[in-house]
C-alpha atoms as a PDB file:
ATOM      1  CA  MET A   1      -0.025  -0.031   0.018  1.00  0.00           C
ATOM      2  CA  MET A   2       1.493   3.261  -1.037  1.00  0.00           C
ATOM      3  CA  LEU A   3       0.829   6.359   1.026  1.00  0.00           C
ATOM      4  CA  ASP A   4       0.494   9.647  -0.786  1.00  0.00           C
ATOM      5  CA  ASP A   5       2.920  12.112   0.896  1.00  0.00           C
ATOM      6  CA  ASP A   6       0.785  14.970  -0.123  1.00  0.00           C
ATOM      7  CA  ALA A   7      -1.806  13.767   2.039  1.00  0.00           C
ATOM      8  CA  PHE A   8       0.099  14.598   5.176  1.00  0.00           C
ATOM      9  CA  ASP A   9       0.949  18.272   4.125  1.00  0.00           C
ATOM     10  CA  ASP A  10      -2.359  19.577   5.346  1.00  0.00           C
ATOM     11  CA  THR A  11      -2.518  21.215   8.714  1.00  0.00           C
ATOM     12  CA  ILE A  12      -5.469  20.203  10.847  1.00  0.00           C
ATOM     13  CA  VAL A  13      -6.689  22.711  13.523  1.00  0.00           C
ATOM     14  CA  LEU A  14      -8.696  21.568  16.454  1.00  0.00           C
ATOM     15  CA  THR A  15     -10.327  23.651  19.283  1.00  0.00           C
ATOM     16  CA  ARG A  16      -9.167  22.709  22.713  1.00  0.00           C
ATOM     17  CA  ALA A  17     -12.461  20.966  23.260  1.00  0.00           C
ATOM     18  CA  GLN A  18     -11.807  18.811  20.199  1.00  0.00           C
ATOM     19  CA  TRP A  19      -8.260  18.243  21.346  1.00  0.00           C
ATOM     20  CA  HIS A  20      -9.531  16.977  24.750  1.00  0.00           C
ATOM     21  CA  ASP A  21     -12.157  14.771  23.207  1.00  0.00           C
ATOM     22  CA  LEU A  22      -9.537  13.333  20.797  1.00  0.00           C
ATOM     23  CA  VAL A  23      -6.989  12.766  23.652  1.00  0.00           C
ATOM     24  CA  GLY A  24      -9.951  11.139  25.816  1.00  0.00           C
ATOM     25  CA  SER A  25     -10.971   8.791  22.976  1.00  0.00           C
ATOM     26  CA  VAL A  26      -7.259   7.639  22.456  1.00  0.00           C
ATOM     27  CA  LYS A  27      -6.996   6.967  26.287  1.00  0.00           C
ATOM     28  CA  THR A  28     -10.254   5.044  26.235  1.00  0.00           C
ATOM     29  CA  LEU A  29      -9.094   3.065  23.271  1.00  0.00           C
ATOM     30  CA  ALA A  30      -5.774   2.285  25.008  1.00  0.00           C
ATOM     31  CA  ASP A  31      -7.548   1.257  28.178  1.00  0.00           C
ATOM     32  CA  THR A  32     -10.149  -0.948  26.279  1.00  0.00           C
ATOM     33  CA  ASN A  33      -7.238  -2.656  24.218  1.00  0.00           C
ATOM     34  CA  ALA A  34      -5.345  -3.451  27.593  1.00  0.00           C
ATOM     35  CA  LYS A  35      -8.544  -4.903  29.090  1.00  0.00           C
ATOM     36  CA  LEU A  36      -9.197  -6.889  26.018  1.00  0.00           C
ATOM     37  CA  LEU A  37      -5.612  -8.295  26.167  1.00  0.00           C
ATOM     38  CA  GLU A  38      -6.218  -9.320  29.752  1.00  0.00           C
ATOM     39  CA  VAL A  39      -9.410 -11.183  28.888  1.00  0.00           C
ATOM     40  CA  ILE A  40      -7.655 -12.964  26.064  1.00  0.00           C
ATOM     41  CA  SER A  41      -4.735 -13.811  28.237  1.00  0.00           C
ATOM     42  CA  ALA A  42      -7.073 -15.140  31.006  1.00  0.00           C
ATOM     43  CA  LEU A  43      -9.101 -17.238  28.452  1.00  0.00           C
ATOM     44  CA  LEU A  44      -6.006 -18.752  26.946  1.00  0.00           C
ATOM     45  CA  ASP A  45      -4.746 -19.631  30.474  1.00  0.00           C
ATOM     46  CA  GLN A  46      -7.989 -21.224  31.209  1.00  0.00           C
ATOM     47  CA  ALA A  47      -7.728 -23.252  28.025  1.00  0.00           C
ATOM     48  CA  ALA A  48      -4.326 -24.300  28.882  1.00  0.00           C
ATOM     49  CA  THR A  49      -5.213 -25.450  32.402  1.00  0.00           C
ATOM     50  CA  GLY A  50      -8.250 -27.232  31.159  1.00  0.00           C
ATOM     51  CA  THR A  51      -6.329 -29.036  28.598  1.00  0.00           C
ATOM     52  CA  ARG A  52      -3.556 -30.080  31.242  1.00  0.00           C
ATOM     53  CA  GLU A  53      -6.383 -31.364  33.461  1.00  0.00           C
ATOM     54  CA  ARG A  54      -7.985 -33.347  30.793  1.00  0.00           C
ATOM     55  CA  THR A  55      -4.775 -34.823  29.226  1.00  0.00           C
ATOM     56  CA  GLY A  56      -2.547 -34.897  32.226  1.00  0.00           C
ATOM     57  CA  LYS A  57       0.089 -33.281  30.051  1.00  0.00           C
ATOM     58  CA  VAL A  58       1.992 -30.256  31.186  1.00  0.00           C
ATOM     59  CA  GLU A  59       2.575 -27.826  28.261  1.00  0.00           C
ATOM     60  CA  SER A  60       6.249 -27.463  27.467  1.00  0.00           C
ATOM     61  CA  GLU A  61       5.850 -23.824  26.378  1.00  0.00           C
ATOM     62  CA  GLU A  62       3.756 -20.939  27.552  1.00  0.00           C
ATOM     63  CA  ILE A  63       0.865 -19.905  25.659  1.00  0.00           C
ATOM     64  CA  ASP A  64       1.309 -16.576  23.687  1.00  0.00           C
ATOM     65  CA  PRO A  65      -1.469 -14.184  24.792  1.00  0.00           C
ATOM     66  CA  TYR A  66      -1.204 -12.563  21.321  1.00  0.00           C
ATOM     67  CA  ASP A  67      -1.795 -15.870  19.494  1.00  0.00           C
ATOM     68  CA  LEU A  68      -5.237 -15.271  17.934  1.00  0.00           C
ATOM     69  CA  GLY A  69      -5.218 -18.621  16.269  1.00  0.00           C
ATOM     70  CA  THR A  70      -5.395 -20.353  19.621  1.00  0.00           C
ATOM     71  CA  LEU A  71      -8.222 -18.022  20.668  1.00  0.00           C
ATOM     72  CA  ARG A  72     -10.196 -18.692  17.378  1.00  0.00           C
ATOM     73  CA  ARG A  73      -9.886 -22.431  18.015  1.00  0.00           C
ATOM     74  CA  MET A  74     -11.114 -21.972  21.613  1.00  0.00           C
ATOM     75  CA  VAL A  75     -14.066 -19.987  20.490  1.00  0.00           C
ATOM     76  CA  GLU A  76     -14.844 -22.482  17.797  1.00  0.00           C
ATOM     77  CA  GLY A  77     -14.854 -25.168  20.226  1.00  0.00           C
ATOM     78  CA  GLY A  78     -11.679 -27.037  19.734  1.00  0.00           C
ATOM     79  CA  ASP A  79      -8.452 -26.992  21.608  1.00  0.00           C
END
């Protein structure tokens, strides 16, 4: 994907209220993202614990909380 350098030459002017709204939105997005990662990590940990209990196997490596493939398999009902 090529970005047009001319698209970045325009100056955008925000009022103080618009700036505060923008900063608040970015903070809310960052907080929500952090909470989502915590939930995903907890779900993956639960799945790993459940797998170990069912199979008696100890996982040789930690589950990566950013591995969305594992999360997709969990949601679809498989391990």
